[in-house]
N, C-alpha and C. Protein backbone atom coordinates (compact mmCIF):
# COMPACT_ATOMS: atom_id res chain seq x y z
N UNK A 1 -55.55 -123.82 -2.88
CA UNK A 1 -54.71 -122.50 -2.19
C UNK A 1 -53.45 -123.32 -1.55
N UNK A 2 -52.54 -122.36 -1.92
CA UNK A 2 -51.44 -123.18 -0.94
C UNK A 2 -50.71 -122.52 0.33
N UNK A 3 -50.12 -122.92 1.11
CA UNK A 3 -49.86 -122.65 2.09
C UNK A 3 -49.43 -121.15 2.42
N UNK A 4 -48.63 -120.48 1.73
CA UNK A 4 -48.30 -119.39 1.47
C UNK A 4 -49.29 -118.69 1.26
N UNK A 5 -50.66 -118.80 0.34
CA UNK A 5 -51.20 -118.23 0.10
C UNK A 5 -52.65 -117.69 0.86
N UNK A 6 -52.61 -119.01 1.71
CA UNK A 6 -53.38 -119.26 2.93
C UNK A 6 -52.87 -118.12 4.00
N UNK A 7 -51.46 -118.25 4.36
CA UNK A 7 -51.00 -117.24 5.39
C UNK A 7 -51.00 -115.69 5.01
N UNK A 8 -50.83 -115.28 3.82
CA UNK A 8 -51.03 -114.05 3.35
C UNK A 8 -52.44 -113.71 3.37
N UNK A 9 -53.21 -114.41 3.35
CA UNK A 9 -54.82 -114.09 3.53
C UNK A 9 -55.52 -114.16 4.54
N UNK A 10 -54.98 -114.27 5.60
CA UNK A 10 -54.93 -114.49 6.83
C UNK A 10 -54.70 -113.47 7.46
N UNK A 11 -53.05 -112.56 7.10
CA UNK A 11 -52.86 -111.07 7.72
C UNK A 11 -53.95 -110.09 7.90
N UNK A 12 -53.73 -109.21 8.96
CA UNK A 12 -54.48 -107.74 8.80
C UNK A 12 -53.54 -107.12 7.73
N UNK A 13 -54.93 -106.20 7.15
CA UNK A 13 -54.26 -105.00 6.49
C UNK A 13 -54.15 -104.06 7.09
N UNK A 14 -53.29 -103.49 7.13
CA UNK A 14 -53.45 -102.08 7.88
C UNK A 14 -52.88 -101.00 6.97
N UNK A 15 -53.44 -99.81 6.85
CA UNK A 15 -52.86 -98.63 5.96
C UNK A 15 -52.18 -97.57 6.78
N UNK A 16 -50.87 -97.74 5.63
CA UNK A 16 -49.86 -96.59 6.71
C UNK A 16 -49.40 -95.60 5.57
N UNK A 17 -49.36 -94.43 6.39
CA UNK A 17 -49.57 -92.85 5.43
C UNK A 17 -48.37 -92.58 5.08
N UNK A 18 -46.98 -92.84 5.49
CA UNK A 18 -46.06 -92.27 5.45
C UNK A 18 -45.22 -93.59 6.40
N UNK A 19 -43.85 -93.02 5.71
CA UNK A 19 -42.61 -93.74 6.37
C UNK A 19 -41.90 -92.80 7.24
N UNK A 20 -41.77 -93.10 8.64
CA UNK A 20 -40.99 -91.83 9.09
C UNK A 20 -39.68 -92.05 9.15
N UNK A 21 -39.02 -93.31 8.80
CA UNK A 21 -37.35 -93.27 8.84
C UNK A 21 -36.91 -95.14 8.39
N UNK A 22 -36.11 -94.57 8.55
CA UNK A 22 -35.34 -96.21 7.71
C UNK A 22 -34.11 -96.40 8.26
N UNK A 23 -34.03 -97.15 9.99
CA UNK A 23 -32.74 -97.75 10.58
C UNK A 23 -32.09 -98.59 10.10
N UNK A 24 -30.30 -98.50 10.39
CA UNK A 24 -29.52 -99.54 9.87
C UNK A 24 -29.15 -100.31 11.32
N UNK A 25 -29.37 -101.78 11.35
CA UNK A 25 -29.11 -102.39 12.36
C UNK A 25 -28.31 -103.53 11.79
N UNK A 26 -27.23 -102.87 11.92
CA UNK A 26 -25.71 -103.97 10.95
C UNK A 26 -26.34 -104.34 9.78
N UNK A 27 -26.65 -105.85 8.91
CA UNK A 27 -27.05 -105.81 7.80
C UNK A 27 -28.45 -105.51 7.27
N UNK A 28 -28.86 -105.25 8.33
CA UNK A 28 -30.16 -105.62 8.59
C UNK A 28 -31.18 -103.85 8.46
N UNK A 29 -32.45 -103.47 7.94
CA UNK A 29 -32.92 -102.31 7.98
C UNK A 29 -34.18 -102.20 8.80
N UNK A 30 -34.37 -101.09 10.11
CA UNK A 30 -36.13 -100.73 10.23
C UNK A 30 -36.78 -100.36 9.66
N UNK A 31 -37.89 -100.78 9.19
CA UNK A 31 -38.35 -99.61 7.88
C UNK A 31 -39.75 -99.17 9.24
N UNK A 32 -40.10 -98.03 9.90
CA UNK A 32 -40.86 -97.15 10.56
C UNK A 32 -42.09 -96.75 9.80
N UNK A 33 -43.18 -97.15 9.84
CA UNK A 33 -44.42 -97.06 9.26
C UNK A 33 -45.08 -95.82 10.23
N UNK A 34 -45.59 -94.69 9.70
CA UNK A 34 -47.06 -94.02 10.67
C UNK A 34 -47.95 -94.08 9.96
N UNK A 35 -49.02 -93.93 11.04
CA UNK A 35 -50.19 -93.61 10.86
C UNK A 35 -50.63 -92.09 11.48
N UNK A 36 -52.12 -91.77 10.72
CA UNK A 36 -52.20 -90.51 11.53
C UNK A 36 -52.87 -90.72 12.96
N UNK A 37 -52.71 -89.77 13.79
CA UNK A 37 -53.22 -90.17 15.34
C UNK A 37 -54.43 -89.47 15.43
N UNK A 38 -55.73 -90.27 15.40
CA UNK A 38 -56.62 -90.10 15.59
C UNK A 38 -57.23 -89.07 17.12
N UNK A 39 -56.05 -89.38 17.73
CA UNK A 39 -56.82 -88.95 19.74
C UNK A 39 -56.04 -87.53 19.48
N UNK A 40 -55.20 -87.21 18.48
CA UNK A 40 -54.02 -85.72 19.03
C UNK A 40 -55.30 -84.71 18.03
N UNK A 41 -55.48 -83.44 19.15
CA UNK A 41 -56.23 -82.15 18.45
C UNK A 41 -55.51 -81.65 16.87
N UNK A 42 -54.14 -81.97 17.03
CA UNK A 42 -53.95 -81.29 15.48
C UNK A 42 -53.75 -82.31 14.66
N UNK A 43 -53.61 -81.94 13.19
CA UNK A 43 -53.35 -83.29 12.30
C UNK A 43 -52.21 -83.25 11.61
N UNK A 44 -51.28 -82.94 12.59
CA UNK A 44 -49.85 -83.02 12.55
C UNK A 44 -49.12 -84.51 12.64
N UNK A 45 -50.00 -84.68 14.20
CA UNK A 45 -49.13 -85.58 14.71
C UNK A 45 -49.60 -87.15 13.95
N UNK A 46 -48.99 -87.78 14.26
CA UNK A 46 -48.54 -89.52 13.62
C UNK A 46 -48.06 -89.93 14.79
N UNK A 47 -48.35 -91.60 14.72
CA UNK A 47 -48.44 -92.61 15.50
C UNK A 47 -47.80 -93.48 14.41
N UNK A 48 -46.71 -94.47 15.62
CA UNK A 48 -46.44 -95.73 14.76
C UNK A 48 -46.81 -96.53 14.78
N UNK A 49 -46.86 -96.98 13.58
CA UNK A 49 -47.92 -98.08 13.24
C UNK A 49 -47.70 -99.25 12.92
N UNK A 50 -46.20 -99.66 12.53
CA UNK A 50 -45.37 -100.54 12.24
C UNK A 50 -44.24 -100.84 12.34
N UNK A 51 -43.49 -101.56 12.51
CA UNK A 51 -41.73 -101.12 12.30
C UNK A 51 -41.19 -102.85 12.11
N UNK A 52 -40.96 -102.97 10.82
CA UNK A 52 -40.11 -103.95 9.87
C UNK A 52 -38.86 -104.43 10.16
N UNK A 53 -38.28 -105.09 10.59
CA UNK A 53 -36.92 -104.95 10.88
C UNK A 53 -36.71 -106.29 9.39
N UNK A 54 -35.80 -105.97 8.66
CA UNK A 54 -35.64 -107.22 7.03
C UNK A 54 -33.92 -106.91 6.91
N UNK A 55 -33.43 -108.16 6.24
CA UNK A 55 -32.34 -107.30 5.56
C UNK A 55 -32.27 -106.81 4.20
N UNK A 56 -31.42 -105.78 4.22
CA UNK A 56 -30.56 -104.83 3.03
C UNK A 56 -31.07 -105.19 2.14
N UNK A 57 -30.78 -106.39 1.59
CA UNK A 57 -30.88 -107.08 0.50
C UNK A 57 -32.19 -107.03 -0.44
N UNK A 58 -33.11 -107.65 0.77
CA UNK A 58 -34.82 -107.80 0.53
C UNK A 58 -35.40 -106.37 0.27
N UNK A 59 -34.43 -105.48 0.61
CA UNK A 59 -35.35 -103.60 -0.08
C UNK A 59 -35.13 -104.03 -1.40
N UNK A 60 -34.15 -104.11 -2.30
CA UNK A 60 -33.97 -103.86 -3.69
C UNK A 60 -35.13 -105.09 -4.27
N UNK A 61 -35.24 -106.23 -3.95
CA UNK A 61 -36.31 -107.45 -4.32
C UNK A 61 -37.79 -106.25 -4.31
N UNK A 62 -37.77 -105.80 -3.10
CA UNK A 62 -39.27 -104.98 -2.26
C UNK A 62 -39.22 -104.12 -3.71
N UNK A 63 -38.23 -103.06 -3.91
CA UNK A 63 -38.54 -102.21 -4.62
C UNK A 63 -39.14 -102.23 -5.88
N UNK A 64 -38.27 -103.30 -6.51
CA UNK A 64 -39.17 -103.81 -7.78
C UNK A 64 -40.43 -104.27 -7.70
N UNK A 65 -40.63 -104.97 -6.56
CA UNK A 65 -42.02 -105.44 -6.52
C UNK A 65 -43.42 -104.62 -6.60
N UNK A 66 -42.42 -103.16 -5.85
CA UNK A 66 -43.58 -102.45 -5.70
C UNK A 66 -43.83 -101.36 -6.96
N UNK A 67 -42.50 -101.38 -7.53
CA UNK A 67 -42.50 -100.76 -8.97
C UNK A 67 -43.25 -101.56 -10.14
N UNK A 68 -43.82 -103.04 -9.83
CA UNK A 68 -44.04 -103.54 -10.50
C UNK A 68 -43.53 -104.24 -11.71
N UNK A 69 -42.27 -104.18 -11.77
CA UNK A 69 -41.20 -105.20 -12.43
C UNK A 69 -40.17 -105.92 -12.34
N UNK A 70 -39.20 -106.44 -13.52
CA UNK A 70 -39.18 -107.56 -12.95
C UNK A 70 -37.76 -107.41 -12.76
N UNK A 71 -36.42 -107.88 -11.59
CA UNK A 71 -35.31 -107.34 -11.25
C UNK A 71 -34.86 -107.39 -12.24
N UNK A 72 -34.85 -108.83 -13.29
CA UNK A 72 -33.61 -109.20 -14.25
C UNK A 72 -34.05 -108.16 -15.56
N UNK A 73 -35.39 -107.53 -15.67
CA UNK A 73 -36.13 -106.79 -16.66
C UNK A 73 -35.17 -105.03 -16.52
N UNK A 74 -34.95 -104.29 -15.18
CA UNK A 74 -34.79 -103.28 -15.28
C UNK A 74 -33.67 -103.13 -14.88
N UNK A 75 -33.02 -101.83 -14.69
CA UNK A 75 -31.64 -101.58 -15.01
C UNK A 75 -31.45 -100.77 -13.98
N UNK A 76 -30.64 -101.05 -12.82
CA UNK A 76 -30.81 -100.70 -11.35
C UNK A 76 -29.91 -98.99 -11.08
N UNK A 77 -29.17 -98.61 -12.29
CA UNK A 77 -28.58 -97.48 -12.38
C UNK A 77 -30.20 -96.81 -13.36
N UNK A 78 -30.46 -96.73 -13.96
CA UNK A 78 -31.77 -96.53 -14.38
C UNK A 78 -32.62 -96.02 -13.40
N UNK A 79 -32.92 -97.00 -12.57
CA UNK A 79 -34.12 -96.90 -11.54
C UNK A 79 -33.83 -95.94 -10.44
N UNK A 80 -32.30 -95.72 -10.13
CA UNK A 80 -31.47 -94.80 -9.10
C UNK A 80 -32.12 -93.16 -9.91
N UNK A 81 -31.63 -93.13 -11.00
CA UNK A 81 -32.01 -91.42 -11.53
C UNK A 81 -33.03 -91.11 -11.27
N UNK A 82 -34.50 -92.04 -10.73
CA UNK A 82 -35.84 -91.65 -10.85
C UNK A 82 -36.20 -90.94 -9.47
N UNK A 83 -36.69 -89.36 -9.73
CA UNK A 83 -36.55 -88.75 -8.70
C UNK A 83 -38.47 -88.56 -8.11
N UNK A 84 -39.05 -88.76 -9.03
CA UNK A 84 -40.95 -88.99 -8.50
C UNK A 84 -40.90 -89.78 -7.51
N UNK A 85 -42.27 -89.61 -6.56
CA UNK A 85 -42.70 -90.84 -5.57
C UNK A 85 -43.61 -91.08 -6.50
N UNK A 86 -43.91 -92.37 -6.01
CA UNK A 86 -44.54 -93.63 -6.70
C UNK A 86 -46.24 -93.10 -6.28
N UNK A 87 -46.57 -92.06 -5.53
CA UNK A 87 -47.58 -91.81 -4.97
C UNK A 87 -47.97 -90.41 -4.84
C-alpha cells in the first residue's frame, strides 16, 4: 500500500446531498456542500457540511474524474454542451 493510498483510506466518508454554491476567491474556488439538517422540523433546511477551497484548474480535472473519462480522450467543447446532471 502506498503512502497516498493509506492517507486516502484514513479519511472519513461524508455523504453530501447537494452543492449549495461555488464562490470565486481570486484564482481559487470554494465549493460549499450541504446535507439535510436533521434538527430542523421542516424537510427543506440544509446544513453546510463541507467547504473546499481549491485551484480553479483542479475543477476541470475533478469534472473529468467524476465523468469517468480521460481528459485527453474527451472534447471540452462537447462536454460543455452536456445539459443533463449525473445524478
